[in-house]
Amino acid sequence: MKINLIHQALNGLLVLQPEVFEDERGFFMETYRTDAFEELGINLSFVQDNHSRSAKGVLRGLHFQWEPPMGKLMRVTQGEAFLVAVDIRKNSPTLGQWYGEVISASNKKMIWAPAGFARGFCTLSEFAEIQYKCTGLYNKQAESGILWNDPAIGIKWPIENPILSEKDKVAQTLASWLTTNDSNYFTYGK
C-alpha cells in the first residue's frame, strides 16, 4: 500500500492521497502506515485520535496547542469540509500564510499540518465527520486559537455567516499571538 504526496505547501504542510482499492463491494485503504509516513519525512508518533461531527455551516478553529506541540493528520470520513491550516511559526518564511482545500469522504485526501500550524475547518455538506491523528495529548492549559477571520491572514472561507463556538468568536489575532511569550514555542527551524 502507498500514500502519495499530492501537494506540499507552507514549509511542512502536506496534502496526501492514500492508495484506494475499489470494486462493486466498496473500498479499502490504509490511512496510516509508519513506513509510508517515514518515506514522506513524517517520523512522529501519533498518540491520540479525535473524531468530530459538525452540521452544515459550522466553522471550528483556528486551533493550536503548544505543550506538548501537536501536529495533526486530518481527513473527512463523512461529507465534505474545507480544511485550513495557517503557519504561526515565528521566523517562518510562510508565517501568516494559509492553505485550504475541500476534503471529502469521496476524494479521501488527507492534510498533514505539523506543530506550529493553527488548524480549522468549515462544513460544506449537511454534516461532516472529521477524524484526525494527533502527535500530542490534549492539554487544555496549553491550547489557544487564532481568530477565524483575522484580516491579516485573509482566509477565503467558502461560507458566509458561519456557526461558531463562543471561544472561536473571541479568539486572538495572529499579531496578538506573536507578541506573547507563548509564541516562542513555535519558532521556524527549531
C-alpha atoms as a PDB file:
ATOM      1  CA  MET A   1       0.000   0.000   0.000  1.00  0.00           C
ATOM      2  CA  LYS A   2       1.162   3.507  -0.670  1.00  0.00           C
ATOM      3  CA  ILE A   3       0.309   7.008   0.492  1.00  0.00           C
ATOM      4  CA  ASN A   4       1.023   9.521  -2.263  1.00  0.00           C
ATOM      5  CA  LEU A   5       2.168  13.098  -1.782  1.00  0.00           C
ATOM      6  CA  ILE A   6      -0.221  15.249  -3.843  1.00  0.00           C
ATOM      7  CA  HIS A   7       0.896  18.731  -2.828  1.00  0.00           C
ATOM      8  CA  GLN A   8       3.413  20.360  -0.497  1.00  0.00           C
ATOM      9  CA  ALA A   9       2.759  23.833   0.930  1.00  0.00           C
ATOM     10  CA  LEU A  10       3.839  26.216   3.685  1.00  0.00           C
ATOM     11  CA  ASN A  11       7.080  24.550   4.801  1.00  0.00           C
ATOM     12  CA  GLY A  12       5.839  21.206   6.045  1.00  0.00           C
ATOM     13  CA  LEU A  13       2.135  21.060   5.239  1.00  0.00           C
ATOM     14  CA  LEU A  14       1.352  18.074   3.019  1.00  0.00           C
ATOM     15  CA  VAL A  15      -1.735  17.002   1.078  1.00  0.00           C
ATOM     16  CA  LEU A  16      -1.783  13.214   0.858  1.00  0.00           C
ATOM     17  CA  GLN A  17      -3.782  10.649  -1.099  1.00  0.00           C
ATOM     18  CA  PRO A  18      -3.878   7.049   0.117  1.00  0.00           C
ATOM     19  CA  GLU A  19      -3.980   4.269  -2.425  1.00  0.00           C
ATOM     20  CA  VAL A  20      -7.598   3.092  -2.616  1.00  0.00           C
ATOM     21  CA  PHE A  21      -8.817  -0.296  -3.820  1.00  0.00           C
ATOM     22  CA  GLU A  22     -12.419  -0.109  -5.006  1.00  0.00           C
ATOM     23  CA  ASP A  23     -14.788  -2.611  -6.547  1.00  0.00           C
ATOM     24  CA  GLU A  24     -18.520  -3.376  -6.534  1.00  0.00           C
ATOM     25  CA  ARG A  25     -18.321  -4.256  -2.807  1.00  0.00           C
ATOM     26  CA  GLY A  26     -16.891  -0.904  -1.703  1.00  0.00           C
ATOM     27  CA  PHE A  27     -13.320   0.181  -0.978  1.00  0.00           C
ATOM     28  CA  PHE A  28     -10.283  -0.481   1.208  1.00  0.00           C
ATOM     29  CA  MET A  29      -7.400   1.844   2.062  1.00  0.00           C
ATOM     30  CA  GLU A  30      -4.705   2.276   4.666  1.00  0.00           C
ATOM     31  CA  THR A  31      -4.920   5.773   6.170  1.00  0.00           C
ATOM     32  CA  TYR A  32      -1.791   5.489   8.269  1.00  0.00           C
ATOM     33  CA  ARG A  33       1.274   3.325   7.975  1.00  0.00           C
ATOM     34  CA  THR A  34       4.532   4.091   9.786  1.00  0.00           C
ATOM     35  CA  ASP A  35       6.900   3.183   6.947  1.00  0.00           C
ATOM     36  CA  ALA A  36       4.897   5.126   4.338  1.00  0.00           C
ATOM     37  CA  PHE A  37       4.872   8.236   6.525  1.00  0.00           C
ATOM     38  CA  GLU A  38       8.591   7.927   7.270  1.00  0.00           C
ATOM     39  CA  GLU A  39       9.210   7.909   3.490  1.00  0.00           C
ATOM     40  CA  LEU A  40       7.354  11.245   3.370  1.00  0.00           C
ATOM     41  CA  GLY A  41       9.554  12.646   6.144  1.00  0.00           C
ATOM     42  CA  ILE A  42       6.931  12.314   8.889  1.00  0.00           C
ATOM     43  CA  ASN A  43       8.754  10.393  11.580  1.00  0.00           C
ATOM     44  CA  LEU A  44       6.489  11.138  14.541  1.00  0.00           C
ATOM     45  CA  SER A  45       4.343   9.060  16.849  1.00  0.00           C
ATOM     46  CA  PHE A  46       0.613   9.629  16.886  1.00  0.00           C
ATOM     47  CA  VAL A  47      -0.699   9.417  20.443  1.00  0.00           C
ATOM     48  CA  GLN A  48      -4.353  10.467  20.185  1.00  0.00           C
ATOM     49  CA  ASP A  49      -7.174  10.112  17.654  1.00  0.00           C
ATOM     50  CA  ASN A  50     -10.037  12.629  17.551  1.00  0.00           C
ATOM     51  CA  HIS A  51     -13.362  12.440  15.729  1.00  0.00           C
ATOM     52  CA  SER A  52     -15.840  15.303  15.336  1.00  0.00           C
ATOM     53  CA  ARG A  53     -19.197  15.690  13.631  1.00  0.00           C
ATOM     54  CA  SER A  54     -20.447  19.117  12.584  1.00  0.00           C
ATOM     55  CA  ALA A  55     -23.577  20.399  10.890  1.00  0.00           C
ATOM     56  CA  LYS A  56     -23.550  22.425   7.669  1.00  0.00           C
ATOM     57  CA  GLY A  57     -22.177  25.930   8.195  1.00  0.00           C
ATOM     58  CA  VAL A  58     -20.221  25.119  11.352  1.00  0.00           C
ATOM     59  CA  LEU A  59     -16.719  26.559  11.431  1.00  0.00           C
ATOM     60  CA  ARG A  60     -14.237  25.240  14.008  1.00  0.00           C
ATOM     61  CA  GLY A  61     -10.879  26.880  14.508  1.00  0.00           C
ATOM     62  CA  LEU A  62      -8.285  28.050  14.092  1.00  0.00           C
ATOM     63  CA  HIS A  63      -6.910  25.910  16.954  1.00  0.00           C
ATOM     64  CA  PHE A  64      -3.401  25.002  18.077  1.00  0.00           C
ATOM     65  CA  GLN A  65      -1.558  23.605  21.093  1.00  0.00           C
ATOM     66  CA  TRP A  66       1.984  24.313  22.242  1.00  0.00           C
ATOM     67  CA  GLU A  67       2.604  21.948  25.178  1.00  0.00           C
ATOM     68  CA  PRO A  68       3.053  19.338  24.028  1.00  0.00           C
ATOM     69  CA  PRO A  69       3.321  20.591  20.445  1.00  0.00           C
ATOM     70  CA  MET A  70       0.621  18.928  18.373  1.00  0.00           C
ATOM     71  CA  GLY A  71       0.743  18.020  14.699  1.00  0.00           C
ATOM     72  CA  LYS A  72      -2.442  16.717  13.090  1.00  0.00           C
ATOM     73  CA  LEU A  73      -3.218  14.374  10.218  1.00  0.00           C
ATOM     74  CA  MET A  74      -6.749  15.373   9.175  1.00  0.00           C
ATOM     75  CA  ARG A  75      -9.288  13.643   6.948  1.00  0.00           C
ATOM     76  CA  VAL A  76     -13.022  13.749   6.282  1.00  0.00           C
ATOM     77  CA  THR A  77     -14.782  10.403   6.703  1.00  0.00           C
ATOM     78  CA  GLN A  78     -18.372  11.580   6.090  1.00  0.00           C
ATOM     79  CA  GLY A  79     -19.488  14.521   3.975  1.00  0.00           C
ATOM     80  CA  GLU A  80     -17.371  17.436   2.792  1.00  0.00           C
ATOM     81  CA  ALA A  81     -15.419  20.164   4.586  1.00  0.00           C
ATOM     82  CA  PHE A  82     -12.979  22.944   3.804  1.00  0.00           C
ATOM     83  CA  LEU A  83      -9.855  22.161   5.869  1.00  0.00           C
ATOM     84  CA  VAL A  84      -7.468  25.021   6.647  1.00  0.00           C
ATOM     85  CA  ALA A  85      -4.014  25.355   8.209  1.00  0.00           C
ATOM     86  CA  VAL A  86      -2.157  28.607   8.988  1.00  0.00           C
ATOM     87  CA  ASP A  87       1.590  28.804   9.639  1.00  0.00           C
ATOM     88  CA  ILE A  88       2.072  30.536  13.026  1.00  0.00           C
ATOM     89  CA  ARG A  89       5.789  29.769  13.477  1.00  0.00           C
ATOM     90  CA  LYS A  90       7.954  32.806  14.238  1.00  0.00           C
ATOM     91  CA  ASN A  91      10.619  33.436  11.594  1.00  0.00           C
ATOM     92  CA  SER A  92       8.997  31.039   9.134  1.00  0.00           C
ATOM     93  CA  PRO A  93       9.138  32.220   5.516  1.00  0.00           C
ATOM     94  CA  THR A  94       5.419  31.352   5.293  1.00  0.00           C
ATOM     95  CA  LEU A  95       4.385  32.903   8.641  1.00  0.00           C
ATOM     96  CA  GLY A  96       0.761  34.056   8.464  1.00  0.00           C
ATOM     97  CA  GLN A  97       0.070  32.247   5.200  1.00  0.00           C
ATOM     98  CA  TRP A  98      -2.766  29.775   4.940  1.00  0.00           C
ATOM     99  CA  TYR A  99      -3.650  26.730   2.915  1.00  0.00           C
ATOM    100  CA  GLY A 100      -7.175  25.412   2.444  1.00  0.00           C
ATOM    101  CA  GLU A 101      -8.700  22.624   0.425  1.00  0.00           C
ATOM    102  CA  VAL A 102     -12.058  20.895   0.104  1.00  0.00           C
ATOM    103  CA  ILE A 103     -11.592  17.419   1.524  1.00  0.00           C
ATOM    104  CA  SER A 104     -14.367  14.854   1.373  1.00  0.00           C
ATOM    105  CA  ALA A 105     -15.236  11.274   2.116  1.00  0.00           C
ATOM    106  CA  SER A 106     -15.305  10.700  -1.648  1.00  0.00           C
ATOM    107  CA  ASN A 107     -11.902  12.216  -2.556  1.00  0.00           C
ATOM    108  CA  LYS A 108     -10.259  10.587   0.508  1.00  0.00           C
ATOM    109  CA  LYS A 109      -7.428  13.134   0.667  1.00  0.00           C
ATOM    110  CA  MET A 110      -5.663  13.921   3.938  1.00  0.00           C
ATOM    111  CA  ILE A 111      -3.824  17.004   5.179  1.00  0.00           C
ATOM    112  CA  TRP A 112      -0.766  16.772   7.428  1.00  0.00           C
ATOM    113  CA  ALA A 113      -0.181  20.011   9.367  1.00  0.00           C
ATOM    114  CA  PRO A 114       2.779  19.769  11.770  1.00  0.00           C
ATOM    115  CA  ALA A 115       3.077  21.539  15.124  1.00  0.00           C
ATOM    116  CA  GLY A 116       3.258  25.286  14.627  1.00  0.00           C
ATOM    117  CA  PHE A 117       0.142  25.443  12.473  1.00  0.00           C
ATOM    118  CA  ALA A 118      -3.294  26.619  13.582  1.00  0.00           C
ATOM    119  CA  ARG A 119      -5.983  24.433  12.047  1.00  0.00           C
ATOM    120  CA  GLY A 120      -9.675  24.665  11.367  1.00  0.00           C
ATOM    121  CA  PHE A 121     -12.460  23.662   9.036  1.00  0.00           C
ATOM    122  CA  CYS A 122     -15.963  24.538   7.927  1.00  0.00           C
ATOM    123  CA  THR A 123     -18.639  22.037   6.988  1.00  0.00           C
ATOM    124  CA  LEU A 124     -19.938  22.261   3.427  1.00  0.00           C
ATOM    125  CA  SER A 125     -22.308  19.259   3.318  1.00  0.00           C
ATOM    126  CA  GLU A 126     -25.368  18.660   5.526  1.00  0.00           C
ATOM    127  CA  PHE A 127     -22.908  17.298   8.074  1.00  0.00           C
ATOM    128  CA  ALA A 128     -19.283  16.242   8.055  1.00  0.00           C
ATOM    129  CA  GLU A 129     -17.221  13.941  10.212  1.00  0.00           C
ATOM    130  CA  ILE A 130     -13.554  14.818  10.561  1.00  0.00           C
ATOM    131  CA  GLN A 131     -11.013  12.452  12.052  1.00  0.00           C
ATOM    132  CA  TYR A 132      -7.510  13.451  12.971  1.00  0.00           C
ATOM    133  CA  LYS A 133      -4.489  11.747  14.390  1.00  0.00           C
ATOM    134  CA  CYS A 134      -2.516  13.908  16.832  1.00  0.00           C
ATOM    135  CA  THR A 135       1.163  13.850  17.804  1.00  0.00           C
ATOM    136  CA  GLY A 136       0.467  15.294  21.274  1.00  0.00           C
ATOM    137  CA  LEU A 137      -2.048  14.571  24.008  1.00  0.00           C
ATOM    138  CA  TYR A 138      -4.666  17.275  24.513  1.00  0.00           C
ATOM    139  CA  ASN A 139      -3.729  19.870  27.163  1.00  0.00           C
ATOM    140  CA  LYS A 140      -6.428  22.457  27.930  1.00  0.00           C
ATOM    141  CA  GLN A 141      -3.902  24.754  29.667  1.00  0.00           C
ATOM    142  CA  ALA A 142      -1.687  24.957  26.568  1.00  0.00           C
ATOM    143  CA  GLU A 143      -4.212  25.419  23.779  1.00  0.00           C
ATOM    144  CA  SER A 144      -5.392  28.526  22.035  1.00  0.00           C
ATOM    145  CA  GLY A 145      -6.765  29.819  18.786  1.00  0.00           C
ATOM    146  CA  ILE A 146      -6.413  32.445  16.107  1.00  0.00           C
ATOM    147  CA  LEU A 147      -9.481  34.401  15.004  1.00  0.00           C
ATOM    148  CA  TRP A 148     -11.058  32.605  12.036  1.00  0.00           C
ATOM    149  CA  ASN A 149     -11.495  35.837  10.068  1.00  0.00           C
ATOM    150  CA  ASP A 150      -8.272  37.637  11.060  1.00  0.00           C
ATOM    151  CA  PRO A 151      -7.868  40.173   8.224  1.00  0.00           C
ATOM    152  CA  ALA A 152      -4.077  39.888   8.393  1.00  0.00           C
ATOM    153  CA  ILE A 153      -4.385  36.238   7.300  1.00  0.00           C
ATOM    154  CA  GLY A 154      -7.289  36.679   4.873  1.00  0.00           C
ATOM    155  CA  ILE A 155      -8.640  33.145   4.623  1.00  0.00           C
ATOM    156  CA  LYS A 156     -11.215  32.875   1.854  1.00  0.00           C
ATOM    157  CA  TRP A 157     -13.771  30.679   3.609  1.00  0.00           C
ATOM    158  CA  PRO A 158     -16.373  29.201   1.219  1.00  0.00           C
ATOM    159  CA  ILE A 159     -19.279  30.049   3.564  1.00  0.00           C
ATOM    160  CA  GLU A 160     -20.807  33.250   4.909  1.00  0.00           C
ATOM    161  CA  ASN A 161     -22.057  33.735   8.483  1.00  0.00           C
ATOM    162  CA  PRO A 162     -20.585  30.547   9.959  1.00  0.00           C
ATOM    163  CA  ILE A 163     -21.851  28.926  13.132  1.00  0.00           C
ATOM    164  CA  LEU A 164     -19.099  29.463  15.737  1.00  0.00           C
ATOM    165  CA  SER A 165     -18.407  28.457  19.339  1.00  0.00           C
ATOM    166  CA  GLU A 166     -18.144  31.277  21.870  1.00  0.00           C
ATOM    167  CA  LYS A 167     -14.420  30.516  22.183  1.00  0.00           C
ATOM    168  CA  ASP A 168     -13.859  30.843  18.424  1.00  0.00           C
ATOM    169  CA  LYS A 169     -15.804  34.125  18.262  1.00  0.00           C
ATOM    170  CA  VAL A 170     -13.317  35.819  20.622  1.00  0.00           C
ATOM    171  CA  ALA A 171     -10.029  34.149  19.613  1.00  0.00           C
ATOM    172  CA  GLN A 172      -6.912  36.317  19.349  1.00  0.00           C
ATOM    173  CA  THR A 173      -5.416  37.663  16.151  1.00  0.00           C
ATOM    174  CA  LEU A 174      -2.161  36.308  14.790  1.00  0.00           C
ATOM    175  CA  ALA A 175      -0.451  39.609  15.673  1.00  0.00           C
ATOM    176  CA  SER A 176      -1.594  39.223  19.272  1.00  0.00           C
ATOM    177  CA  TRP A 177      -0.273  35.642  19.427  1.00  0.00           C
ATOM    178  CA  LEU A 178       3.090  36.698  18.022  1.00  0.00           C
ATOM    179  CA  THR A 179       3.565  39.328  20.747  1.00  0.00           C
ATOM    180  CA  THR A 180       3.011  36.884  23.632  1.00  0.00           C
ATOM    181  CA  ASN A 181       5.757  34.871  25.299  1.00  0.00           C
ATOM    182  CA  ASP A 182       3.953  31.644  24.453  1.00  0.00           C
ATOM    183  CA  SER A 183       4.526  32.253  20.753  1.00  0.00           C
ATOM    184  CA  ASN A 184       8.205  31.349  21.249  1.00  0.00           C
ATOM    185  CA  TYR A 185       7.122  27.703  21.348  1.00  0.00           C
ATOM    186  CA  PHE A 186       6.782  27.783  17.569  1.00  0.00           C
ATOM    187  CA  THR A 187       9.971  29.124  16.044  1.00  0.00           C
ATOM    188  CA  TYR A 188      10.745  28.052  12.498  1.00  0.00           C
ATOM    189  CA  GLY A 189      13.830  25.853  12.244  1.00  0.00           C
ATOM    190  CA  LYS A 190      13.817  24.763  15.906  1.00  0.00           C
END
